[in-house]
N, C-alpha and C. Protein backbone atom coordinates (compact mmCIF):
# COMPACT_ATOMS: atom_id res chain seq x y z
N MET A 1 18.17 91.44 -68.74
CA MET A 1 18.09 91.60 -67.00
C MET A 1 18.06 93.25 -66.92
N ALA A 2 16.89 93.67 -66.52
CA ALA A 2 16.71 95.33 -66.71
C ALA A 2 17.48 95.53 -65.44
N SER A 3 18.05 96.74 -65.53
CA SER A 3 18.57 97.26 -64.40
C SER A 3 17.90 98.12 -63.64
N SER A 4 18.18 98.01 -62.14
CA SER A 4 17.16 98.36 -61.22
C SER A 4 17.28 100.05 -61.08
N PRO A 5 16.54 100.88 -60.89
CA PRO A 5 16.41 102.33 -60.88
C PRO A 5 17.51 102.51 -59.70
N VAL A 6 18.36 103.68 -59.62
CA VAL A 6 19.03 104.25 -58.65
C VAL A 6 18.34 105.62 -58.20
N PHE A 7 18.25 105.39 -56.80
CA PHE A 7 17.55 106.61 -56.22
C PHE A 7 18.49 107.32 -55.46
N SER A 8 18.44 108.43 -55.45
CA SER A 8 19.52 109.39 -54.50
C SER A 8 18.51 110.08 -53.48
N THR A 9 19.02 109.62 -52.34
CA THR A 9 18.36 110.17 -51.00
C THR A 9 19.24 111.81 -50.61
N SER A 10 19.94 111.67 -51.13
CA SER A 10 20.94 113.07 -50.84
C SER A 10 20.46 114.45 -50.74
N GLY A 11 19.67 114.55 -51.68
CA GLY A 11 19.01 115.91 -52.02
C GLY A 11 17.82 116.02 -50.90
N PHE A 12 17.10 114.79 -50.24
CA PHE A 12 15.87 114.83 -49.19
C PHE A 12 16.83 114.90 -48.08
N ALA A 13 17.85 114.54 -47.64
CA ALA A 13 18.49 115.02 -46.57
C ALA A 13 18.94 116.23 -46.52
N GLN A 14 19.69 116.60 -47.66
CA GLN A 14 19.96 118.36 -47.30
C GLN A 14 18.53 118.75 -47.23
N SER A 15 17.61 118.91 -47.71
CA SER A 15 16.48 119.85 -47.68
C SER A 15 15.81 119.65 -46.36
N ALA A 16 16.02 118.34 -45.51
CA ALA A 16 15.23 118.32 -44.25
C ALA A 16 16.24 118.90 -43.55
N ALA A 17 17.42 118.94 -43.57
CA ALA A 17 18.49 119.49 -42.84
C ALA A 17 17.87 120.99 -42.75
N ALA A 18 17.97 121.60 -43.57
CA ALA A 18 17.71 123.22 -44.17
C ALA A 18 16.37 123.30 -43.45
N ASN A 19 15.65 122.45 -43.60
CA ASN A 19 14.29 123.04 -43.02
C ASN A 19 13.47 121.77 -41.96
N PRO A 20 14.31 121.80 -41.08
CA PRO A 20 13.71 120.98 -40.17
C PRO A 20 12.29 121.15 -39.73
N PRO A 21 11.66 120.04 -39.41
CA PRO A 21 10.20 120.43 -38.78
C PRO A 21 10.08 121.19 -37.49
N THR A 22 9.13 121.93 -37.52
CA THR A 22 8.84 122.72 -36.66
C THR A 22 8.45 122.25 -35.14
N ALA A 23 9.30 122.12 -34.26
CA ALA A 23 8.65 121.54 -32.91
C ALA A 23 7.87 122.27 -31.98
N GLN A 24 7.08 121.69 -31.57
CA GLN A 24 6.00 122.40 -30.80
C GLN A 24 6.92 122.86 -29.34
N LYS A 25 6.99 123.87 -29.12
CA LYS A 25 7.47 124.40 -27.95
C LYS A 25 6.29 124.37 -26.66
N PRO A 26 6.84 123.36 -25.73
CA PRO A 26 6.10 123.00 -24.54
C PRO A 26 5.64 124.62 -23.72
N PRO A 27 4.52 124.52 -23.19
CA PRO A 27 3.96 125.84 -22.26
C PRO A 27 5.20 125.81 -21.19
N PRO A 28 5.29 127.05 -20.72
CA PRO A 28 6.10 127.34 -19.31
C PRO A 28 5.65 126.43 -18.33
N PRO A 29 6.10 125.81 -17.72
CA PRO A 29 6.12 124.90 -16.65
C PRO A 29 4.69 125.60 -15.51
N CYS A 30 4.68 126.73 -15.45
CA CYS A 30 3.73 127.55 -14.53
C CYS A 30 2.63 128.14 -15.02
N ALA A 31 2.35 127.83 -16.44
CA ALA A 31 1.25 128.43 -17.00
C ALA A 31 -0.14 128.08 -16.69
N SER A 32 -0.55 127.19 -16.20
CA SER A 32 -1.69 126.44 -16.15
C SER A 32 -2.73 127.45 -15.41
N ALA A 33 -4.08 127.19 -15.84
CA ALA A 33 -4.89 127.99 -14.97
C ALA A 33 -4.80 127.81 -13.44
N ASP A 34 -4.50 126.45 -13.13
CA ASP A 34 -4.39 126.30 -11.43
C ASP A 34 -3.12 127.04 -11.02
N HIS A 35 -1.99 127.10 -11.74
CA HIS A 35 -0.84 127.73 -11.38
C HIS A 35 -1.18 129.30 -11.34
N ARG A 36 -2.13 129.86 -11.88
CA ARG A 36 -2.43 131.27 -12.09
C ARG A 36 -3.46 131.61 -11.16
N ALA A 37 -4.10 130.87 -10.47
CA ALA A 37 -5.34 131.10 -9.78
C ALA A 37 -5.14 132.02 -8.80
N PHE A 38 -4.00 132.49 -8.05
CA PHE A 38 -3.66 133.44 -6.99
C PHE A 38 -3.13 134.64 -7.75
N ASP A 39 -2.94 134.56 -9.03
CA ASP A 39 -2.47 135.84 -9.73
C ASP A 39 -3.42 137.23 -9.28
N PHE A 40 -4.42 137.27 -8.83
CA PHE A 40 -5.05 138.24 -8.80
C PHE A 40 -4.87 138.83 -7.47
N TRP A 41 -3.85 138.14 -6.60
CA TRP A 41 -3.18 139.08 -5.31
C TRP A 41 -1.77 140.00 -5.76
N ILE A 42 -1.66 139.66 -7.10
CA ILE A 42 -0.25 140.29 -7.59
C ILE A 42 -0.48 141.78 -7.45
N GLY A 43 0.41 142.54 -6.93
CA GLY A 43 0.55 144.10 -6.94
C GLY A 43 0.90 144.49 -5.94
N VAL A 44 1.33 145.87 -5.69
CA VAL A 44 1.06 146.85 -4.63
C VAL A 44 0.03 147.39 -4.03
N TRP A 45 0.04 146.96 -2.65
CA TRP A 45 -1.52 147.29 -1.85
C TRP A 45 -1.13 147.88 -0.84
N ASP A 46 -2.11 148.88 -0.49
CA ASP A 46 -2.30 149.62 0.89
C ASP A 46 -3.24 148.45 1.66
N VAL A 47 -2.73 148.42 2.61
CA VAL A 47 -3.55 147.66 3.82
C VAL A 47 -4.27 148.13 4.77
N THR A 48 -5.61 147.91 4.82
CA THR A 48 -6.30 148.62 5.81
C THR A 48 -6.95 147.59 6.56
N SER A 49 -6.36 147.54 8.24
CA SER A 49 -7.32 146.58 9.11
C SER A 49 -8.61 147.09 9.17
N ALA A 50 -9.42 145.94 9.44
CA ALA A 50 -10.70 146.31 9.75
C ALA A 50 -10.63 147.25 11.08
N GLY A 51 -11.79 148.16 10.90
CA GLY A 51 -12.20 149.09 11.84
C GLY A 51 -11.25 150.29 11.85
N LYS A 52 -10.15 150.39 11.12
CA LYS A 52 -9.14 151.66 10.76
C LYS A 52 -9.84 152.37 9.66
N GLU A 53 -9.62 153.55 9.30
CA GLU A 53 -9.77 154.27 8.48
C GLU A 53 -8.75 154.45 7.23
N THR A 54 -7.63 154.42 7.85
CA THR A 54 -6.34 154.64 6.84
C THR A 54 -5.68 153.50 6.97
N PRO A 55 -4.77 153.21 5.91
CA PRO A 55 -3.95 152.17 5.95
C PRO A 55 -2.90 152.09 7.00
N THR A 56 -2.84 150.79 7.18
CA THR A 56 -1.65 150.35 8.41
C THR A 56 -0.57 149.66 7.77
N GLY A 57 -0.50 149.43 6.56
CA GLY A 57 0.41 148.35 5.89
C GLY A 57 0.76 148.32 4.62
N ILE A 58 1.61 147.92 3.83
CA ILE A 58 1.88 148.19 2.44
C ILE A 58 2.43 146.57 2.40
N ASN A 59 1.74 146.17 1.27
CA ASN A 59 1.94 144.67 0.83
C ASN A 59 2.31 144.68 -0.52
N SER A 60 3.42 144.09 -0.92
CA SER A 60 3.73 143.97 -2.40
C SER A 60 4.08 142.58 -2.53
N ILE A 61 2.99 142.14 -3.62
CA ILE A 61 2.94 140.83 -4.07
C ILE A 61 3.62 140.51 -5.50
N SER A 62 4.36 139.88 -5.70
CA SER A 62 5.00 139.82 -7.22
C SER A 62 5.28 138.22 -7.41
N ALA A 63 5.19 138.01 -8.72
CA ALA A 63 5.30 136.66 -9.26
C ALA A 63 6.94 136.46 -9.54
N GLN A 64 7.42 135.40 -9.14
CA GLN A 64 8.86 135.32 -8.94
C GLN A 64 9.27 133.99 -9.83
N HIS A 65 10.19 133.87 -10.33
CA HIS A 65 10.82 132.33 -10.90
C HIS A 65 9.91 131.90 -12.08
N GLY A 66 9.85 132.63 -12.76
CA GLY A 66 8.71 132.34 -14.09
C GLY A 66 7.29 132.22 -13.72
N GLY A 67 6.96 133.14 -12.85
CA GLY A 67 5.66 132.62 -12.31
C GLY A 67 5.05 131.29 -11.56
N CYS A 68 6.38 130.83 -11.16
CA CYS A 68 5.96 129.50 -10.46
C CYS A 68 5.86 129.71 -8.53
N VAL A 69 6.43 131.24 -8.48
CA VAL A 69 6.04 131.50 -7.00
C VAL A 69 5.55 132.74 -6.91
N ILE A 70 4.79 132.79 -5.83
CA ILE A 70 4.20 134.21 -5.53
C ILE A 70 4.79 134.54 -4.29
N ARG A 71 5.59 135.68 -4.25
CA ARG A 71 6.20 136.36 -3.18
C ARG A 71 5.39 137.34 -2.61
N GLU A 72 5.53 137.52 -1.09
CA GLU A 72 4.91 138.56 -0.65
C GLU A 72 5.84 139.32 0.50
N ASP A 73 5.69 140.51 0.39
CA ASP A 73 6.64 141.40 1.28
C ASP A 73 5.75 142.20 1.95
N TYR A 74 5.40 142.14 3.26
CA TYR A 74 4.46 142.85 4.19
C TYR A 74 5.26 144.01 5.08
N LYS A 75 4.73 145.03 5.22
CA LYS A 75 5.46 145.76 6.21
C LYS A 75 4.28 146.78 6.74
N THR A 76 4.57 147.01 8.16
CA THR A 76 3.43 147.75 8.80
C THR A 76 3.98 149.20 9.15
N GLN A 77 2.96 150.27 9.39
CA GLN A 77 3.67 151.52 9.67
C GLN A 77 4.42 151.45 10.95
N GLY A 78 4.00 150.35 12.03
CA GLY A 78 4.83 150.02 13.29
C GLY A 78 5.99 149.64 13.01
N GLY A 79 6.50 148.97 11.86
CA GLY A 79 7.85 148.51 11.49
C GLY A 79 7.66 146.94 11.68
N TYR A 80 6.71 146.26 11.81
CA TYR A 80 6.58 144.98 11.52
C TYR A 80 6.71 144.40 10.03
N THR A 81 7.70 143.50 9.99
CA THR A 81 7.68 142.80 8.50
C THR A 81 7.37 141.40 8.55
N GLY A 82 7.26 140.84 7.22
CA GLY A 82 7.10 139.45 7.17
C GLY A 82 6.75 139.07 5.65
N MET A 83 7.15 137.90 5.39
CA MET A 83 7.10 137.57 3.87
C MET A 83 6.66 136.27 3.94
N SER A 84 6.02 135.85 2.47
CA SER A 84 5.55 134.36 2.34
C SER A 84 5.83 134.33 0.99
N MET A 85 5.93 132.87 0.78
CA MET A 85 6.12 132.24 -0.57
C MET A 85 4.93 131.49 -0.70
N SER A 86 4.28 131.51 -1.59
CA SER A 86 2.94 130.80 -2.28
C SER A 86 3.47 130.24 -3.49
N PHE A 87 2.98 128.85 -3.64
CA PHE A 87 2.96 128.21 -4.85
C PHE A 87 2.09 126.94 -5.02
N TYR A 88 1.85 126.54 -6.52
CA TYR A 88 0.82 125.61 -6.74
C TYR A 88 1.84 124.27 -7.06
N ASP A 89 1.27 123.28 -6.14
CA ASP A 89 1.93 122.01 -6.17
C ASP A 89 1.02 121.01 -7.03
N ALA A 90 1.68 120.97 -8.33
CA ALA A 90 0.85 120.16 -9.38
C ALA A 90 0.72 118.87 -8.93
N VAL A 91 1.49 118.29 -8.05
CA VAL A 91 1.48 116.84 -7.82
C VAL A 91 0.45 116.72 -6.82
N ARG A 92 0.46 117.17 -6.00
CA ARG A 92 -0.88 117.24 -4.75
C ARG A 92 -1.89 118.02 -5.37
N LYS A 93 -1.84 118.81 -6.22
CA LYS A 93 -2.99 119.60 -6.58
C LYS A 93 -3.56 120.54 -5.70
N SER A 94 -2.48 121.24 -5.02
CA SER A 94 -2.86 122.29 -3.96
C SER A 94 -2.08 123.38 -4.10
N TRP A 95 -2.25 124.38 -3.38
CA TRP A 95 -1.72 125.54 -3.05
C TRP A 95 -0.97 125.55 -1.70
N HIS A 96 0.25 126.04 -1.74
CA HIS A 96 1.08 125.95 -0.36
C HIS A 96 1.25 127.50 -0.05
N GLN A 97 1.61 127.99 0.98
CA GLN A 97 2.08 128.96 1.49
C GLN A 97 3.08 128.94 2.71
N THR A 98 4.01 129.50 2.60
CA THR A 98 4.91 129.56 3.94
C THR A 98 5.13 130.86 4.30
N TRP A 99 4.68 131.27 5.39
CA TRP A 99 4.71 132.76 6.07
C TRP A 99 5.84 132.77 6.97
N MET A 100 6.48 133.82 7.20
CA MET A 100 7.74 134.00 8.40
C MET A 100 7.54 135.56 8.39
N GLY A 101 7.13 135.83 9.81
CA GLY A 101 7.28 137.18 10.52
C GLY A 101 8.39 137.58 11.16
N ALA A 102 8.61 139.00 11.05
CA ALA A 102 9.89 139.45 11.96
C ALA A 102 9.72 139.21 13.75
N ASP A 103 8.44 138.60 13.93
CA ASP A 103 8.43 138.17 15.48
C ASP A 103 8.56 136.70 15.77
N GLY A 104 9.27 136.09 14.69
CA GLY A 104 9.30 134.44 14.38
C GLY A 104 8.03 133.65 14.49
N THR A 105 6.88 134.24 14.05
CA THR A 105 5.86 133.59 13.66
C THR A 105 5.85 132.88 12.48
N ALA A 106 6.09 131.55 12.32
CA ALA A 106 5.74 130.99 11.02
C ALA A 106 4.66 130.14 10.78
N LEU A 107 4.25 130.12 9.54
CA LEU A 107 2.80 129.42 9.28
C LEU A 107 2.81 128.65 7.99
N PHE A 108 2.67 127.48 7.94
CA PHE A 108 2.58 126.87 7.02
C PHE A 108 1.29 126.31 6.36
N ILE A 109 0.59 126.55 5.38
CA ILE A 109 -0.88 126.54 4.98
C ILE A 109 -0.95 126.09 3.51
N ALA A 110 -2.07 125.32 3.18
CA ALA A 110 -2.22 124.70 2.06
C ALA A 110 -3.87 124.73 1.84
N GLY A 111 -4.22 124.68 0.72
CA GLY A 111 -5.62 124.70 0.11
C GLY A 111 -5.68 125.21 -1.46
N GLY A 112 -6.71 125.74 -1.64
CA GLY A 112 -6.85 126.35 -2.93
C GLY A 112 -8.46 127.16 -3.07
N LEU A 113 -8.49 127.20 -4.42
CA LEU A 113 -9.76 128.06 -4.70
C LEU A 113 -11.01 127.38 -4.45
N ASN A 114 -11.86 128.23 -3.78
CA ASN A 114 -13.24 127.56 -3.28
C ASN A 114 -14.17 127.86 -4.70
N ALA A 115 -15.58 127.59 -4.53
CA ALA A 115 -16.59 127.75 -5.71
C ALA A 115 -16.73 129.21 -5.79
N ARG A 116 -16.70 129.95 -5.01
CA ARG A 116 -16.61 131.75 -4.97
C ARG A 116 -15.47 132.46 -5.57
N GLY A 117 -14.29 131.82 -6.03
CA GLY A 117 -13.08 132.18 -6.45
C GLY A 117 -12.53 132.59 -5.65
N GLU A 118 -12.62 132.37 -4.19
CA GLU A 118 -11.73 133.02 -3.13
C GLU A 118 -10.50 131.44 -2.57
N MET A 119 -9.38 132.33 -2.55
CA MET A 119 -8.16 131.39 -2.43
C MET A 119 -8.64 131.15 -0.83
N VAL A 120 -8.63 130.02 -0.46
CA VAL A 120 -8.72 129.34 1.05
C VAL A 120 -7.37 128.41 1.57
N LEU A 121 -6.70 129.10 2.43
CA LEU A 121 -5.54 128.15 2.62
C LEU A 121 -5.65 128.01 4.23
N SER A 122 -4.93 126.76 4.56
CA SER A 122 -5.27 126.15 6.11
C SER A 122 -4.09 125.49 6.54
N ASN A 123 -3.80 125.67 7.98
CA ASN A 123 -2.80 124.58 8.11
C ASN A 123 -3.32 122.98 8.35
N ALA A 124 -4.63 123.18 8.62
CA ALA A 124 -5.12 121.98 8.63
C ALA A 124 -4.95 120.98 7.23
N ASN A 125 -4.77 121.64 6.15
CA ASN A 125 -4.78 121.02 4.60
C ASN A 125 -3.14 120.95 4.82
N TRP A 126 -2.36 121.35 5.54
CA TRP A 126 -0.93 121.05 5.36
C TRP A 126 -0.46 119.68 5.87
N PRO A 127 0.30 119.10 5.02
CA PRO A 127 0.82 117.68 5.29
C PRO A 127 1.31 117.51 6.70
N GLY A 128 2.16 118.39 7.15
CA GLY A 128 2.29 118.20 8.49
C GLY A 128 1.53 118.83 9.66
N TYR A 129 0.32 118.99 9.45
CA TYR A 129 -0.78 119.34 10.48
C TYR A 129 -0.61 118.27 11.53
N VAL A 130 -0.86 118.64 12.79
CA VAL A 130 -0.64 117.69 14.00
C VAL A 130 -2.29 118.13 14.46
N ASN A 131 -3.14 116.65 14.46
CA ASN A 131 -4.59 116.88 14.96
C ASN A 131 -4.66 117.41 16.30
N GLY A 132 -5.50 118.17 16.78
CA GLY A 132 -5.65 118.74 18.03
C GLY A 132 -5.09 120.11 18.37
N SER A 133 -3.94 120.63 17.16
CA SER A 133 -3.17 121.98 17.12
C SER A 133 -4.37 122.87 16.82
N PRO A 134 -4.48 124.15 17.03
CA PRO A 134 -4.93 125.09 16.57
C PRO A 134 -5.23 124.94 14.99
N ILE A 135 -6.31 125.57 14.45
CA ILE A 135 -6.24 125.44 13.04
C ILE A 135 -6.38 127.05 12.47
N ASN A 136 -5.69 127.42 11.70
CA ASN A 136 -5.49 128.55 11.02
C ASN A 136 -6.07 128.80 9.76
N ARG A 137 -6.68 129.53 9.02
CA ARG A 137 -7.48 129.52 7.99
C ARG A 137 -7.55 130.95 7.73
N ILE A 138 -6.81 131.06 6.42
CA ILE A 138 -6.66 132.12 5.81
C ILE A 138 -7.76 132.22 4.37
N THR A 139 -8.48 133.43 4.39
CA THR A 139 -9.20 133.55 2.77
C THR A 139 -9.06 134.80 2.48
N TRP A 140 -8.56 134.89 0.97
CA TRP A 140 -8.25 136.04 -0.03
C TRP A 140 -9.56 135.96 -0.69
N THR A 141 -10.68 137.23 -0.71
CA THR A 141 -11.62 137.34 -1.55
C THR A 141 -11.45 138.30 -2.36
N PRO A 142 -11.21 138.26 -3.62
CA PRO A 142 -11.05 139.39 -4.55
C PRO A 142 -12.49 140.17 -4.97
N LYS A 143 -12.42 141.41 -4.84
CA LYS A 143 -13.45 142.31 -5.45
C LYS A 143 -13.37 142.46 -6.80
N ARG A 144 -14.15 142.18 -7.60
CA ARG A 144 -13.56 142.52 -9.12
C ARG A 144 -14.61 143.54 -9.52
N ASN A 145 -14.46 144.39 -10.76
CA ASN A 145 -15.03 145.21 -11.45
C ASN A 145 -15.09 144.79 -12.88
N GLY A 146 -16.00 143.79 -13.07
CA GLY A 146 -15.68 143.02 -14.57
C GLY A 146 -14.38 141.91 -14.17
N THR A 147 -13.52 142.56 -15.00
CA THR A 147 -12.21 141.35 -15.01
C THR A 147 -11.22 142.08 -14.25
N VAL A 148 -11.34 143.09 -13.51
CA VAL A 148 -10.17 144.10 -13.02
C VAL A 148 -10.66 143.64 -11.37
N VAL A 149 -9.62 143.71 -10.50
CA VAL A 149 -9.55 143.28 -9.23
C VAL A 149 -9.24 144.79 -8.55
N GLU A 150 -10.58 144.83 -7.79
CA GLU A 150 -10.56 146.49 -7.18
C GLU A 150 -9.73 146.55 -5.77
N ASN A 151 -9.93 145.73 -5.15
CA ASN A 151 -9.50 145.52 -3.84
C ASN A 151 -9.69 143.52 -3.67
N VAL A 152 -8.72 143.39 -2.37
CA VAL A 152 -8.82 141.99 -1.87
C VAL A 152 -8.84 141.97 -0.40
N ARG A 153 -9.88 141.11 -0.07
CA ARG A 153 -9.92 140.90 1.61
C ARG A 153 -9.43 139.86 2.14
N GLN A 154 -8.61 139.93 3.06
CA GLN A 154 -7.89 138.91 3.63
C GLN A 154 -8.41 138.75 5.07
N HIS A 155 -8.72 137.42 5.29
CA HIS A 155 -9.48 137.32 6.53
C HIS A 155 -8.84 135.99 7.26
N TRP A 156 -8.13 136.34 8.22
CA TRP A 156 -7.23 135.03 9.04
C TRP A 156 -8.17 134.71 10.16
N GLN A 157 -8.52 133.41 10.43
CA GLN A 157 -9.32 133.06 11.47
C GLN A 157 -8.41 131.80 11.89
N SER A 158 -8.90 131.61 13.05
CA SER A 158 -8.15 130.44 14.18
C SER A 158 -9.27 129.95 15.12
N SER A 159 -9.02 128.53 15.17
CA SER A 159 -9.87 127.59 15.60
C SER A 159 -8.99 126.89 16.78
N THR A 160 -9.46 126.72 17.73
CA THR A 160 -9.03 125.93 19.07
C THR A 160 -9.91 124.65 19.22
N ASP A 161 -11.04 124.53 18.79
CA ASP A 161 -11.80 123.54 18.87
C ASP A 161 -12.39 122.68 17.68
N GLY A 162 -11.27 122.57 16.86
CA GLY A 162 -11.49 121.65 15.67
C GLY A 162 -12.26 122.24 14.56
N GLY A 163 -12.41 123.49 14.56
CA GLY A 163 -12.98 124.24 13.75
C GLY A 163 -14.75 124.36 13.83
N LYS A 164 -15.04 124.06 15.17
CA LYS A 164 -16.45 124.32 15.55
C LYS A 164 -16.86 125.92 15.76
N THR A 165 -15.50 126.83 16.20
CA THR A 165 -15.81 128.07 16.39
C THR A 165 -14.58 128.75 15.84
N TRP A 166 -14.82 130.02 15.55
CA TRP A 166 -13.51 130.61 15.01
C TRP A 166 -13.40 132.30 15.34
N ALA A 167 -12.07 132.37 15.50
CA ALA A 167 -11.67 133.96 16.09
C ALA A 167 -11.01 134.55 14.84
N THR A 168 -11.19 135.82 14.88
CA THR A 168 -10.57 136.46 13.60
C THR A 168 -9.17 137.06 14.54
N ILE A 169 -8.09 136.62 13.58
CA ILE A 169 -6.66 136.96 14.04
C ILE A 169 -6.32 138.24 13.07
N PHE A 170 -6.75 138.32 11.97
CA PHE A 170 -6.44 139.52 11.08
C PHE A 170 -7.92 139.69 10.34
N ASP A 171 -8.13 140.80 9.92
CA ASP A 171 -9.00 141.11 8.66
C ASP A 171 -8.76 142.57 8.01
N GLY A 172 -8.40 142.34 7.02
CA GLY A 172 -8.00 143.41 6.31
C GLY A 172 -8.27 143.65 4.74
N THR A 173 -8.27 144.87 4.16
CA THR A 173 -8.60 144.92 2.98
C THR A 173 -7.52 145.74 2.17
N TYR A 174 -6.94 144.95 0.94
CA TYR A 174 -5.98 145.51 0.35
C TYR A 174 -6.51 146.46 -0.84
N VAL A 175 -6.05 147.73 -1.04
CA VAL A 175 -6.44 148.48 -2.11
C VAL A 175 -5.26 148.74 -3.00
N LYS A 176 -5.35 148.22 -4.18
CA LYS A 176 -4.24 148.24 -5.35
C LYS A 176 -3.69 149.77 -5.25
N ARG A 177 -2.49 150.02 -5.19
CA ARG A 177 -1.67 151.40 -5.52
C ARG A 177 -1.95 151.56 -6.90
N THR A 178 -2.33 153.18 -7.05
CA THR A 178 -2.25 153.42 -8.42
C THR A 178 -0.90 154.00 -8.72
N GLU A 179 -0.27 153.79 -10.14
CA GLU A 179 1.04 154.46 -10.36
C GLU A 179 0.79 155.95 -10.35
N LYS A 180 1.87 156.62 -10.07
CA LYS A 180 1.87 157.89 -10.08
C LYS A 180 3.18 158.72 -11.09
């Protein structure tokens, strides 16, 4: 009777332990193009209201929490302040923003990019919207020079007739501050 060969696996086990297979590191949780869609707004901006010749406020927009949140800190020359937090909800496939001003004004809006690359958020898109309430719609339009955003227009409108007519609440141009 022939003896069966003896195989040793200890050398293979030692080799595998010394050189474990390289695991693919998953991308950061908020790295998708949808999560980055509002990044054009990031920066420190001088804000000039329509009809004014000089800036009326400063807006500091930053990516926070690994890029999962865009934080806005706004201050006018007159001392009014406010802040917002914007984020992409991958489950609902929608952008959301919560704004709170020093005057107690709260705004909850949702939406996303339109075909022109503008971010359009409205409280009519927000899950808690009550039919018949005034509709607020804010559009951020980046003006690009190639791939560089030169400025951003923010146009806030409101409708009390279900969107048939719109009144401008705020219309401002954001010009990115240059570092000195």
